[in-house]
Amino acid sequence: MNRNIQKILRGRRVRAKIRGTAERPRLTVFRSNRSIELQLINDVEGKTLVMATTKEVKTAKGKTQASEEAGKLIATRAIKAGFKRAVFDRGHYRYHGRVKAAVDGAREAGLEV
């Protein structure tokens, strides 16, 4: 099996175990070479509730720090929208580096993940 197929299968395996509800939405991560995008998704209705990206962060000195700031940003937006808890969906990414920094930033800002 090549790496791309393994990545797709890993993502399906992870997402099969996770469901976001209206009370506890799914916090999903998309990582590109330049940025990280975070979304809170209600899987019951199929709607994105809150979104944040590192493109909105101007004060960070590196990609990891920008990811942490984006995590804090989505946490403040989620709490403002009335969500205090979320289920983390790492997709096919390892829980390491920028992905971990984003979730740690969200936890630090008060979102229970």
PDB file of N, CA and C in Angstrom:
ATOM      1  N   MET A   1       0.841  -1.178   0.000  1.00  0.00           N
ATOM      2  CA  MET A   1       0.000   0.000   0.000  1.00  0.00           C
ATOM      3  C   MET A   1       0.887   1.242   0.000  1.00  0.00           C
ATOM      4  N   ASN A   2       0.513   2.229  -0.798  1.00  0.00           N
ATOM      5  CA  ASN A   2       1.333   3.427  -0.768  1.00  0.00           C
ATOM      6  C   ASN A   2       0.875   4.378   0.339  1.00  0.00           C
ATOM      7  N   ARG A   3       1.652   5.428   0.570  1.00  0.00           N
ATOM      8  CA  ARG A   3       1.408   6.331   1.697  1.00  0.00           C
ATOM      9  C   ARG A   3       0.072   7.047   1.611  1.00  0.00           C
ATOM     10  N   ASN A   4      -0.335   7.438   0.419  1.00  0.00           N
ATOM     11  CA  ASN A   4      -1.595   8.170   0.283  1.00  0.00           C
ATOM     12  C   ASN A   4      -2.791   7.311   0.667  1.00  0.00           C
ATOM     13  N   ILE A   5      -2.770   6.056   0.271  1.00  0.00           N
ATOM     14  CA  ILE A   5      -3.859   5.147   0.638  1.00  0.00           C
ATOM     15  C   ILE A   5      -3.851   4.903   2.137  1.00  0.00           C
ATOM     16  N   GLN A   6      -2.663   4.734   2.724  1.00  0.00           N
ATOM     17  CA  GLN A   6      -2.568   4.549   4.170  1.00  0.00           C
ATOM     18  C   GLN A   6      -3.123   5.761   4.917  1.00  0.00           C
ATOM     19  N   LYS A   7      -2.826   6.955   4.416  1.00  0.00           N
ATOM     20  CA  LYS A   7      -3.311   8.183   5.039  1.00  0.00           C
ATOM     21  C   LYS A   7      -4.835   8.251   4.987  1.00  0.00           C
ATOM     22  N   ILE A   8      -5.419   7.904   3.858  1.00  0.00           N
ATOM     23  CA  ILE A   8      -6.874   7.911   3.707  1.00  0.00           C
ATOM     24  C   ILE A   8      -7.518   6.904   4.654  1.00  0.00           C
ATOM     25  N   LEU A   9      -6.953   5.711   4.732  1.00  0.00           N
ATOM     26  CA  LEU A   9      -7.505   4.678   5.609  1.00  0.00           C
ATOM     27  C   LEU A   9      -7.387   5.068   7.081  1.00  0.00           C
ATOM     28  N   ARG A  10      -6.273   5.689   7.455  1.00  0.00           N
ATOM     29  CA  ARG A  10      -6.085   6.138   8.833  1.00  0.00           C
ATOM     30  C   ARG A  10      -7.124   7.197   9.187  1.00  0.00           C
ATOM     31  N   GLY A  11      -7.383   8.124   8.272  1.00  0.00           N
ATOM     32  CA  GLY A  11      -8.389   9.153   8.505  1.00  0.00           C
ATOM     33  C   GLY A  11      -9.779   8.572   8.664  1.00  0.00           C
ATOM     34  N   ARG A  12     -10.124   7.597   7.840  1.00  0.00           N
ATOM     35  CA  ARG A  12     -11.436   6.937   7.960  1.00  0.00           C
ATOM     36  C   ARG A  12     -11.566   6.206   9.288  1.00  0.00           C
ATOM     37  N   ARG A  13     -10.493   5.551   9.705  1.00  0.00           N
ATOM     38  CA  ARG A  13     -10.507   4.800  10.957  1.00  0.00           C
ATOM     39  C   ARG A  13     -10.708   5.740  12.149  1.00  0.00           C
ATOM     40  N   VAL A  14     -10.034   6.868  12.129  1.00  0.00           N
ATOM     41  CA  VAL A  14     -10.164   7.829  13.221  1.00  0.00           C
ATOM     42  C   VAL A  14     -11.559   8.443  13.230  1.00  0.00           C
ATOM     43  N   ARG A  15     -12.052   8.848  12.064  1.00  0.00           N
ATOM     44  CA  ARG A  15     -13.355   9.521  11.998  1.00  0.00           C
ATOM     45  C   ARG A  15     -14.524   8.581  12.260  1.00  0.00           C
ATOM     46  N   ALA A  16     -14.331   7.285  12.070  1.00  0.00           N
ATOM     47  CA  ALA A  16     -15.411   6.330  12.325  1.00  0.00           C
ATOM     48  C   ALA A  16     -15.751   6.271  13.809  1.00  0.00           C
ATOM     49  N   LYS A  17     -14.800   6.644  14.665  1.00  0.00           N
ATOM     50  CA  LYS A  17     -14.998   6.565  16.110  1.00  0.00           C
ATOM     51  C   LYS A  17     -15.510   7.868  16.717  1.00  0.00           C
ATOM     52  N   ILE A  18     -15.586   8.932  15.923  1.00  0.00           N
ATOM     53  CA  ILE A  18     -15.877  10.258  16.455  1.00  0.00           C
ATOM     54  C   ILE A  18     -17.157  10.806  15.831  1.00  0.00           C
ATOM     55  N   ARG A  19     -18.031  11.372  16.677  1.00  0.00           N
ATOM     56  CA  ARG A  19     -19.238  12.042  16.212  1.00  0.00           C
ATOM     57  C   ARG A  19     -19.365  13.347  16.976  1.00  0.00           C
ATOM     58  N   GLY A  20     -19.679  14.410  16.278  1.00  0.00           N
ATOM     59  CA  GLY A  20     -19.927  15.689  16.915  1.00  0.00           C
ATOM     60  C   GLY A  20     -21.421  15.921  17.027  1.00  0.00           C
ATOM     61  N   THR A  21     -21.861  16.415  18.163  1.00  0.00           N
ATOM     62  CA  THR A  21     -23.279  16.693  18.380  1.00  0.00           C
ATOM     63  C   THR A  21     -23.466  18.193  18.585  1.00  0.00           C
ATOM     64  N   ALA A  22     -24.702  18.598  18.785  1.00  0.00           N
ATOM     65  CA  ALA A  22     -24.979  20.012  19.020  1.00  0.00           C
ATOM     66  C   ALA A  22     -24.405  20.459  20.362  1.00  0.00           C
ATOM     67  N   GLU A  23     -24.399  19.563  21.356  1.00  0.00           N
ATOM     68  CA  GLU A  23     -23.863  19.906  22.673  1.00  0.00           C
ATOM     69  C   GLU A  23     -22.342  19.820  22.706  1.00  0.00           C
ATOM     70  N   ARG A  24     -21.798  18.858  21.981  1.00  0.00           N
ATOM     71  CA  ARG A  24     -20.348  18.648  21.961  1.00  0.00           C
ATOM     72  C   ARG A  24     -19.896  18.471  20.510  1.00  0.00           C
ATOM     73  N   PRO A  25     -19.616  19.564  19.807  1.00  0.00           N
ATOM     74  CA  PRO A  25     -19.241  19.478  18.393  1.00  0.00           C
ATOM     75  C   PRO A  25     -17.846  18.896  18.197  1.00  0.00           C
ATOM     76  N   ARG A  26     -17.553  18.551  16.966  1.00  0.00           N
ATOM     77  CA  ARG A  26     -16.266  17.952  16.602  1.00  0.00           C
ATOM     78  C   ARG A  26     -15.292  19.064  16.229  1.00  0.00           C
ATOM     79  N   LEU A  27     -14.135  19.079  16.879  1.00  0.00           N
ATOM     80  CA  LEU A  27     -13.065  20.026  16.554  1.00  0.00           C
ATOM     81  C   LEU A  27     -12.136  19.339  15.565  1.00  0.00           C
ATOM     82  N   THR A  28     -12.176  19.761  14.317  1.00  0.00           N
ATOM     83  CA  THR A  28     -11.390  19.111  13.282  1.00  0.00           C
ATOM     84  C   THR A  28     -10.249  20.011  12.833  1.00  0.00           C
ATOM     85  N   VAL A  29      -9.180  19.382  12.355  1.00  0.00           N
ATOM     86  CA  VAL A  29      -7.953  20.081  11.982  1.00  0.00           C
ATOM     87  C   VAL A  29      -7.622  19.789  10.528  1.00  0.00           C
ATOM     88  N   PHE A  30      -7.255  20.837   9.790  1.00  0.00           N
ATOM     89  CA  PHE A  30      -6.659  20.678   8.468  1.00  0.00           C
ATOM     90  C   PHE A  30      -5.302  21.358   8.506  1.00  0.00           C
ATOM     91  N   ARG A  31      -4.271  20.614   8.157  1.00  0.00           N
ATOM     92  CA  ARG A  31      -2.911  21.148   8.192  1.00  0.00           C
ATOM     93  C   ARG A  31      -2.348  21.202   6.780  1.00  0.00           C
ATOM     94  N   SER A  32      -1.923  22.378   6.372  1.00  0.00           N
ATOM     95  CA  SER A  32      -1.214  22.514   5.104  1.00  0.00           C
ATOM     96  C   SER A  32       0.229  22.892   5.419  1.00  0.00           C
ATOM     97  N   ASN A  33       1.024  23.086   4.399  1.00  0.00           N
ATOM     98  CA  ASN A  33       2.410  23.477   4.637  1.00  0.00           C
ATOM     99  C   ASN A  33       2.511  24.881   5.225  1.00  0.00           C
ATOM    100  N   ARG A  34       1.544  25.739   4.936  1.00  0.00           N
ATOM    101  CA  ARG A  34       1.594  27.126   5.399  1.00  0.00           C
ATOM    102  C   ARG A  34       0.734  27.413   6.615  1.00  0.00           C
ATOM    103  N   SER A  35      -0.400  26.745   6.742  1.00  0.00           N
ATOM    104  CA  SER A  35      -1.338  27.136   7.789  1.00  0.00           C
ATOM    105  C   SER A  35      -2.060  25.934   8.374  1.00  0.00           C
ATOM    106  N   ILE A  36      -2.805  26.228   9.431  1.00  0.00           N
ATOM    107  CA  ILE A  36      -3.688  25.244  10.064  1.00  0.00           C
ATOM    108  C   ILE A  36      -5.079  25.859  10.120  1.00  0.00           C
ATOM    109  N   GLU A  37      -6.085  25.063   9.794  1.00  0.00           N
ATOM    110  CA  GLU A  37      -7.467  25.506   9.881  1.00  0.00           C
ATOM    111  C   GLU A  37      -8.193  24.619  10.884  1.00  0.00           C
ATOM    112  N   LEU A  38      -8.926  25.241  11.782  1.00  0.00           N
ATOM    113  CA  LEU A  38      -9.678  24.539  12.818  1.00  0.00           C
ATOM    114  C   LEU A  38     -11.155  24.856  12.641  1.00  0.00           C
ATOM    115  N   GLN A  39     -11.994  23.834  12.787  1.00  0.00           N
ATOM    116  CA  GLN A  39     -13.440  24.023  12.664  1.00  0.00           C
ATOM    117  C   GLN A  39     -14.151  23.253  13.760  1.00  0.00           C
ATOM    118  N   LEU A  40     -15.231  23.821  14.264  1.00  0.00           N
ATOM    119  CA  LEU A  40     -16.158  23.096  15.127  1.00  0.00           C
ATOM    120  C   LEU A  40     -17.349  22.721  14.262  1.00  0.00           C
ATOM    121  N   ILE A  41     -17.627  21.417  14.172  1.00  0.00           N
ATOM    122  CA  ILE A  41     -18.653  20.914  13.264  1.00  0.00           C
ATOM    123  C   ILE A  41     -19.706  20.138  14.046  1.00  0.00           C
ATOM    124  N   ASN A  42     -20.972  20.431  13.753  1.00  0.00           N
ATOM    125  CA  ASN A  42     -22.092  19.657  14.266  1.00  0.00           C
ATOM    126  C   ASN A  42     -22.412  18.601  13.211  1.00  0.00           C
ATOM    127  N   ASP A  43     -22.085  17.349  13.481  1.00  0.00           N
ATOM    128  CA  ASP A  43     -22.275  16.281  12.500  1.00  0.00           C
ATOM    129  C   ASP A  43     -23.738  15.905  12.302  1.00  0.00           C
ATOM    130  N   VAL A  44     -24.588  16.189  13.277  1.00  0.00           N
ATOM    131  CA  VAL A  44     -26.002  15.859  13.148  1.00  0.00           C
ATOM    132  C   VAL A  44     -26.631  16.693  12.030  1.00  0.00           C
ATOM    133  N   GLU A  45     -26.319  17.988  12.011  1.00  0.00           N
ATOM    134  CA  GLU A  45     -26.862  18.880  10.989  1.00  0.00           C
ATOM    135  C   GLU A  45     -25.906  19.069   9.819  1.00  0.00           C
ATOM    136  N   GLY A  46     -24.651  18.683   9.993  1.00  0.00           N
ATOM    137  CA  GLY A  46     -23.667  18.854   8.936  1.00  0.00           C
ATOM    138  C   GLY A  46     -23.266  20.302   8.725  1.00  0.00           C
ATOM    139  N   LYS A  47     -23.178  21.065   9.819  1.00  0.00           N
ATOM    140  CA  LYS A  47     -22.877  22.488   9.719  1.00  0.00           C
ATOM    141  C   LYS A  47     -21.606  22.838  10.484  1.00  0.00           C
ATOM    142  N   THR A  48     -20.855  23.780   9.926  1.00  0.00           N
ATOM    143  CA  THR A  48     -19.701  24.337  10.620  1.00  0.00           C
ATOM    144  C   THR A  48     -20.198  25.444  11.535  1.00  0.00           C
ATOM    145  N   LEU A  49     -19.847  25.344  12.813  1.00  0.00           N
ATOM    146  CA  LEU A  49     -20.338  26.295  13.801  1.00  0.00           C
ATOM    147  C   LEU A  49     -19.365  27.456  14.006  1.00  0.00           C
ATOM    148  N   VAL A  50     -18.082  27.137  14.133  1.00  0.00           N
ATOM    149  CA  VAL A  50     -17.044  28.138  14.378  1.00  0.00           C
ATOM    150  C   VAL A  50     -15.810  27.724  13.602  1.00  0.00           C
ATOM    151  N   MET A  51     -15.039  28.721  13.115  1.00  0.00           N
ATOM    152  CA  MET A  51     -13.834  28.421  12.344  1.00  0.00           C
ATOM    153  C   MET A  51     -12.730  29.402  12.708  1.00  0.00           C
ATOM    154  N   ALA A  52     -11.491  28.933  12.698  1.00  0.00           N
ATOM    155  CA  ALA A  52     -10.327  29.796  12.908  1.00  0.00           C
ATOM    156  C   ALA A  52      -9.166  29.234  12.106  1.00  0.00           C
ATOM    157  N   THR A  53      -8.257  30.111  11.704  1.00  0.00           N
ATOM    158  CA  THR A  53      -7.102  29.692  10.926  1.00  0.00           C
ATOM    159  C   THR A  53      -5.881  30.506  11.337  1.00  0.00           C
ATOM    160  N   THR A  54      -4.719  29.992  11.034  1.00  0.00           N
ATOM    161  CA  THR A  54      -3.490  30.714  11.359  1.00  0.00           C
ATOM    162  C   THR A  54      -3.320  31.940  10.473  1.00  0.00           C
ATOM    163  N   LYS A  55      -4.059  32.034   9.394  1.00  0.00           N
ATOM    164  CA  LYS A  55      -3.994  33.217   8.529  1.00  0.00           C
ATOM    165  C   LYS A  55      -4.540  34.457   9.234  1.00  0.00           C
ATOM    166  N   GLU A  56      -5.373  34.243  10.254  1.00  0.00           N
ATOM    167  CA  GLU A  56      -5.935  35.353  11.017  1.00  0.00           C
ATOM    168  C   GLU A  56      -4.989  35.848  12.102  1.00  0.00           C
ATOM    169  N   VAL A  57      -3.984  35.055  12.437  1.00  0.00           N
ATOM    170  CA  VAL A  57      -3.049  35.382  13.509  1.00  0.00           C
ATOM    171  C   VAL A  57      -1.877  36.155  12.918  1.00  0.00           C
ATOM    172  N   LYS A  58      -1.615  37.336  13.464  1.00  0.00           N
ATOM    173  CA  LYS A  58      -0.539  38.171  12.924  1.00  0.00           C
ATOM    174  C   LYS A  58       0.668  38.265  13.858  1.00  0.00           C
ATOM    175  N   THR A  59       0.509  37.887  15.133  1.00  0.00           N
ATOM    176  CA  THR A  59       1.561  38.136  16.114  1.00  0.00           C
ATOM    177  C   THR A  59       2.528  36.975  16.301  1.00  0.00           C
ATOM    178  N   ALA A  60       2.268  35.835  15.707  1.00  0.00           N
ATOM    179  CA  ALA A  60       3.090  34.648  15.944  1.00  0.00           C
ATOM    180  C   ALA A  60       4.428  34.741  15.216  1.00  0.00           C
ATOM    181  N   LYS A  61       5.449  34.089  15.794  1.00  0.00           N
ATOM    182  CA  LYS A  61       6.785  34.115  15.206  1.00  0.00           C
ATOM    183  C   LYS A  61       7.112  32.878  14.392  1.00  0.00           C
ATOM    184  N   GLY A  62       6.298  31.850  14.500  1.00  0.00           N
ATOM    185  CA  GLY A  62       6.534  30.634  13.736  1.00  0.00           C
ATOM    186  C   GLY A  62       5.233  29.891  13.534  1.00  0.00           C
ATOM    187  N   LYS A  63       5.302  28.789  12.793  1.00  0.00           N
ATOM    188  CA  LYS A  63       4.080  28.045  12.478  1.00  0.00           C
ATOM    189  C   LYS A  63       3.484  27.371  13.710  1.00  0.00           C
ATOM    190  N   THR A  64       4.333  26.858  14.598  1.00  0.00           N
ATOM    191  CA  THR A  64       3.823  26.194  15.796  1.00  0.00           C
ATOM    192  C   THR A  64       3.157  27.198  16.724  1.00  0.00           C
ATOM    193  N   GLN A  65       3.784  28.341  16.905  1.00  0.00           N
ATOM    194  CA  GLN A  65       3.196  29.377  17.751  1.00  0.00           C
ATOM    195  C   GLN A  65       1.907  29.914  17.129  1.00  0.00           C
ATOM    196  N   ALA A  66       1.880  30.046  15.820  1.00  0.00           N
ATOM    197  CA  ALA A  66       0.662  30.491  15.136  1.00  0.00           C
ATOM    198  C   ALA A  66      -0.460  29.474  15.315  1.00  0.00           C
ATOM    199  N   SER A  67      -0.118  28.192  15.305  1.00  0.00           N
ATOM    200  CA  SER A  67      -1.124  27.148  15.520  1.00  0.00           C
ATOM    201  C   SER A  67      -1.713  27.238  16.917  1.00  0.00           C
ATOM    202  N   GLU A  68      -0.860  27.503  17.897  1.00  0.00           N
ATOM    203  CA  GLU A  68      -1.345  27.641  19.267  1.00  0.00           C
ATOM    204  C   GLU A  68      -2.272  28.853  19.391  1.00  0.00           C
ATOM    205  N   GLU A  69      -1.914  29.945  18.748  1.00  0.00           N
ATOM    206  CA  GLU A  69      -2.754  31.145  18.773  1.00  0.00           C
ATOM    207  C   GLU A  69      -4.091  30.899  18.067  1.00  0.00           C
ATOM    208  N   ALA A  70      -4.079  30.131  16.984  1.00  0.00           N
ATOM    209  CA  ALA A  70      -5.330  29.788  16.295  1.00  0.00           C
ATOM    210  C   ALA A  70      -6.211  28.920  17.190  1.00  0.00           C
ATOM    211  N   GLY A  71      -5.598  28.032  17.962  1.00  0.00           N
ATOM    212  CA  GLY A  71      -6.348  27.229  18.920  1.00  0.00           C
ATOM    213  C   GLY A  71      -7.015  28.090  19.976  1.00  0.00           C
ATOM    214  N   LYS A  72      -6.290  29.082  20.461  1.00  0.00           N
ATOM    215  CA  LYS A  72      -6.873  30.006  21.441  1.00  0.00           C
ATOM    216  C   LYS A  72      -8.013  30.806  20.814  1.00  0.00           C
ATOM    217  N   LEU A  73      -7.831  31.186  19.560  1.00  0.00           N
ATOM    218  CA  LEU A  73      -8.848  31.962  18.851  1.00  0.00           C
ATOM    219  C   LEU A  73     -10.139  31.163  18.672  1.00  0.00           C
ATOM    220  N   ILE A  74     -10.023  29.906  18.271  1.00  0.00           N
ATOM    221  CA  ILE A  74     -11.242  29.101  18.089  1.00  0.00           C
ATOM    222  C   ILE A  74     -11.905  28.816  19.428  1.00  0.00           C
ATOM    223  N   ALA A  75     -11.114  28.682  20.494  1.00  0.00           N
ATOM    224  CA  ALA A  75     -11.700  28.443  21.811  1.00  0.00           C
ATOM    225  C   ALA A  75     -12.499  29.654  22.278  1.00  0.00           C
ATOM    226  N   THR A  76     -11.960  30.844  22.089  1.00  0.00           N
ATOM    227  CA  THR A  76     -12.698  32.040  22.509  1.00  0.00           C
ATOM    228  C   THR A  76     -13.966  32.222  21.676  1.00  0.00           C
ATOM    229  N   ARG A  77     -13.887  31.937  20.388  1.00  0.00           N
ATOM    230  CA  ARG A  77     -15.078  32.035  19.537  1.00  0.00           C
ATOM    231  C   ARG A  77     -16.116  30.988  19.923  1.00  0.00           C
ATOM    232  N   ALA A  78     -15.659  29.772  20.249  1.00  0.00           N
ATOM    233  CA  ALA A  78     -16.582  28.696  20.626  1.00  0.00           C
ATOM    234  C   ALA A  78     -17.278  29.019  21.940  1.00  0.00           C
ATOM    235  N   ILE A  79     -16.524  29.507  22.910  1.00  0.00           N
ATOM    236  CA  ILE A  79     -17.116  29.848  24.201  1.00  0.00           C
ATOM    237  C   ILE A  79     -18.104  31.000  24.036  1.00  0.00           C
ATOM    238  N   LYS A  80     -17.755  31.965  23.199  1.00  0.00           N
ATOM    239  CA  LYS A  80     -18.656  33.087  22.927  1.00  0.00           C
ATOM    240  C   LYS A  80     -19.946  32.605  22.255  1.00  0.00           C
ATOM    241  N   ALA A  81     -19.845  31.558  21.424  1.00  0.00           N
ATOM    242  CA  ALA A  81     -21.019  31.001  20.741  1.00  0.00           C
ATOM    243  C   ALA A  81     -21.799  30.032  21.625  1.00  0.00           C
ATOM    244  N   GLY A  82     -21.272  29.720  22.822  1.00  0.00           N
ATOM    245  CA  GLY A  82     -21.998  28.879  23.763  1.00  0.00           C
ATOM    246  C   GLY A  82     -21.542  27.436  23.831  1.00  0.00           C
ATOM    247  N   PHE A  83     -20.364  27.132  23.308  1.00  0.00           N
ATOM    248  CA  PHE A  83     -19.836  25.768  23.351  1.00  0.00           C
ATOM    249  C   PHE A  83     -18.644  25.723  24.295  1.00  0.00           C
ATOM    250  N   LYS A  84     -18.732  24.859  25.310  1.00  0.00           N
ATOM    251  CA  LYS A  84     -17.640  24.740  26.267  1.00  0.00           C
ATOM    252  C   LYS A  84     -16.859  23.438  26.105  1.00  0.00           C
ATOM    253  N   ARG A  85     -17.449  22.471  25.400  1.00  0.00           N
ATOM    254  CA  ARG A  85     -16.818  21.164  25.224  1.00  0.00           C
ATOM    255  C   ARG A  85     -16.789  20.801  23.748  1.00  0.00           C
ATOM    256  N   ALA A  86     -15.782  20.000  23.365  1.00  0.00           N
ATOM    257  CA  ALA A  86     -15.669  19.547  21.978  1.00  0.00           C
ATOM    258  C   ALA A  86     -14.986  18.188  21.945  1.00  0.00           C
ATOM    259  N   VAL A  87     -15.186  17.468  20.852  1.00  0.00           N
ATOM    260  CA  VAL A  87     -14.517  16.188  20.605  1.00  0.00           C
ATOM    261  C   VAL A  87     -13.438  16.452  19.565  1.00  0.00           C
ATOM    262  N   PHE A  88     -12.206  16.061  19.852  1.00  0.00           N
ATOM    263  CA  PHE A  88     -11.103  16.353  18.939  1.00  0.00           C
ATOM    264  C   PHE A  88     -11.002  15.291  17.854  1.00  0.00           C
ATOM    265  N   ASP A  89     -10.917  15.754  16.604  1.00  0.00           N
ATOM    266  CA  ASP A  89     -10.755  14.884  15.440  1.00  0.00           C
ATOM    267  C   ASP A  89      -9.442  15.259  14.766  1.00  0.00           C
ATOM    268  N   ARG A  90      -8.441  14.421  14.930  1.00  0.00           N
ATOM    269  CA  ARG A  90      -7.127  14.717  14.358  1.00  0.00           C
ATOM    270  C   ARG A  90      -7.038  14.319  12.898  1.00  0.00           C
ATOM    271  N   GLY A  91      -8.044  13.614  12.394  1.00  0.00           N
ATOM    272  CA  GLY A  91      -8.016  13.160  11.006  1.00  0.00           C
ATOM    273  C   GLY A  91      -6.899  12.158  10.800  1.00  0.00           C
ATOM    274  N   HIS A  92      -6.134  12.328   9.743  1.00  0.00           N
ATOM    275  CA  HIS A  92      -5.037  11.395   9.483  1.00  0.00           C
ATOM    276  C   HIS A  92      -3.702  11.929   9.980  1.00  0.00           C
ATOM    277  N   TYR A  93      -3.724  13.071  10.703  1.00  0.00           N
ATOM    278  CA  TYR A  93      -2.490  13.667  11.205  1.00  0.00           C
ATOM    279  C   TYR A  93      -2.098  13.052  12.545  1.00  0.00           C
ATOM    280  N   ARG A  94      -0.811  12.997  12.810  1.00  0.00           N
ATOM    281  CA  ARG A  94      -0.339  12.558  14.119  1.00  0.00           C
ATOM    282  C   ARG A  94      -0.595  13.659  15.139  1.00  0.00           C
ATOM    283  N   TYR A  95      -0.832  13.261  16.370  1.00  0.00           N
ATOM    284  CA  TYR A  95      -1.023  14.228  17.452  1.00  0.00           C
ATOM    285  C   TYR A  95       0.357  14.680  17.908  1.00  0.00           C
ATOM    286  N   HIS A  96       0.922  15.619  17.156  1.00  0.00           N
ATOM    287  CA  HIS A  96       2.308  16.024  17.364  1.00  0.00           C
ATOM    288  C   HIS A  96       2.518  17.372  16.688  1.00  0.00           C
ATOM    289  N   GLY A  97       3.428  18.165  17.197  1.00  0.00           N
ATOM    290  CA  GLY A  97       3.824  19.397  16.533  1.00  0.00           C
ATOM    291  C   GLY A  97       2.718  20.435  16.472  1.00  0.00           C
ATOM    292  N   ARG A  98       2.412  20.910  15.254  1.00  0.00           N
ATOM    293  CA  ARG A  98       1.435  21.990  15.077  1.00  0.00           C
ATOM    294  C   ARG A  98       0.023  21.566  15.449  1.00  0.00           C
ATOM    295  N   VAL A  99      -0.320  20.307  15.193  1.00  0.00           N
ATOM    296  CA  VAL A  99      -1.662  19.814  15.545  1.00  0.00           C
ATOM    297  C   VAL A  99      -1.823  19.818  17.064  1.00  0.00           C
ATOM    298  N   LYS A 100      -0.819  19.324  17.768  1.00  0.00           N
ATOM    299  CA  LYS A 100      -0.846  19.301  19.233  1.00  0.00           C
ATOM    300  C   LYS A 100      -0.865  20.720  19.793  1.00  0.00           C
ATOM    301  N   ALA A 101      -0.085  21.624  19.200  1.00  0.00           N
ATOM    302  CA  ALA A 101      -0.041  23.010  19.665  1.00  0.00           C
ATOM    303  C   ALA A 101      -1.402  23.683  19.520  1.00  0.00           C
ATOM    304  N   ALA A 102      -2.109  23.409  18.436  1.00  0.00           N
ATOM    305  CA  ALA A 102      -3.429  24.003  18.220  1.00  0.00           C
ATOM    306  C   ALA A 102      -4.418  23.541  19.286  1.00  0.00           C
ATOM    307  N   VAL A 103      -4.408  22.256  19.595  1.00  0.00           N
ATOM    308  CA  VAL A 103      -5.337  21.724  20.597  1.00  0.00           C
ATOM    309  C   VAL A 103      -4.951  22.205  21.992  1.00  0.00           C
ATOM    310  N   ASP A 104      -3.657  22.262  22.273  1.00  0.00           N
ATOM    311  CA  ASP A 104      -3.213  22.771  23.570  1.00  0.00           C
ATOM    312  C   ASP A 104      -3.615  24.234  23.754  1.00  0.00           C
ATOM    313  N   GLY A 105      -3.545  25.016  22.682  1.00  0.00           N
ATOM    314  CA  GLY A 105      -3.991  26.408  22.752  1.00  0.00           C
ATOM    315  C   GLY A 105      -5.476  26.515  23.036  1.00  0.00           C
ATOM    316  N   ALA A 106      -6.265  25.640  22.427  1.00  0.00           N
ATOM    317  CA  ALA A 106      -7.711  25.637  22.680  1.00  0.00           C
ATOM    318  C   ALA A 106      -8.007  25.251  24.125  1.00  0.00           C
ATOM    319  N   ARG A 107      -7.281  24.266  24.642  1.00  0.00           N
ATOM    320  CA  ARG A 107      -7.472  23.858  26.037  1.00  0.00           C
ATOM    321  C   ARG A 107      -7.067  24.979  26.987  1.00  0.00           C
ATOM    322  N   GLU A 108      -5.969  25.633  26.659  1.00  0.00           N
ATOM    323  CA  GLU A 108      -5.462  26.719  27.494  1.00  0.00           C
ATOM    324  C   GLU A 108      -6.456  27.879  27.568  1.00  0.00           C
ATOM    325  N   ALA A 109      -7.178  28.110  26.492  1.00  0.00           N
ATOM    326  CA  ALA A 109      -8.149  29.209  26.445  1.00  0.00           C
ATOM    327  C   ALA A 109      -9.497  28.835  27.054  1.00  0.00           C
ATOM    328  N   GLY A 110      -9.654  27.590  27.512  1.00  0.00           N
ATOM    329  CA  GLY A 110     -10.858  27.226  28.245  1.00  0.00           C
ATOM    330  C   GLY A 110     -11.793  26.250  27.567  1.00  0.00           C
ATOM    331  N   LEU A 111     -11.470  25.784  26.371  1.00  0.00           N
ATOM    332  CA  LEU A 111     -12.319  24.802  25.696  1.00  0.00           C
ATOM    333  C   LEU A 111     -11.954  23.410  26.200  1.00  0.00           C
ATOM    334  N   GLU A 112     -12.942  22.646  26.632  1.00  0.00           N
ATOM    335  CA  GLU A 112     -12.701  21.292  27.126  1.00  0.00           C
ATOM    336  C   GLU A 112     -12.691  20.332  25.944  1.00  0.00           C
ATOM    337  N   VAL A 113     -11.499  19.835  25.609  1.00  0.00           N
ATOM    338  CA  VAL A 113     -11.335  18.941  24.460  1.00  0.00           C
ATOM    339  C   VAL A 113     -10.911  17.582  24.966  1.00  0.00           C
TER     340      VAL A 113
END
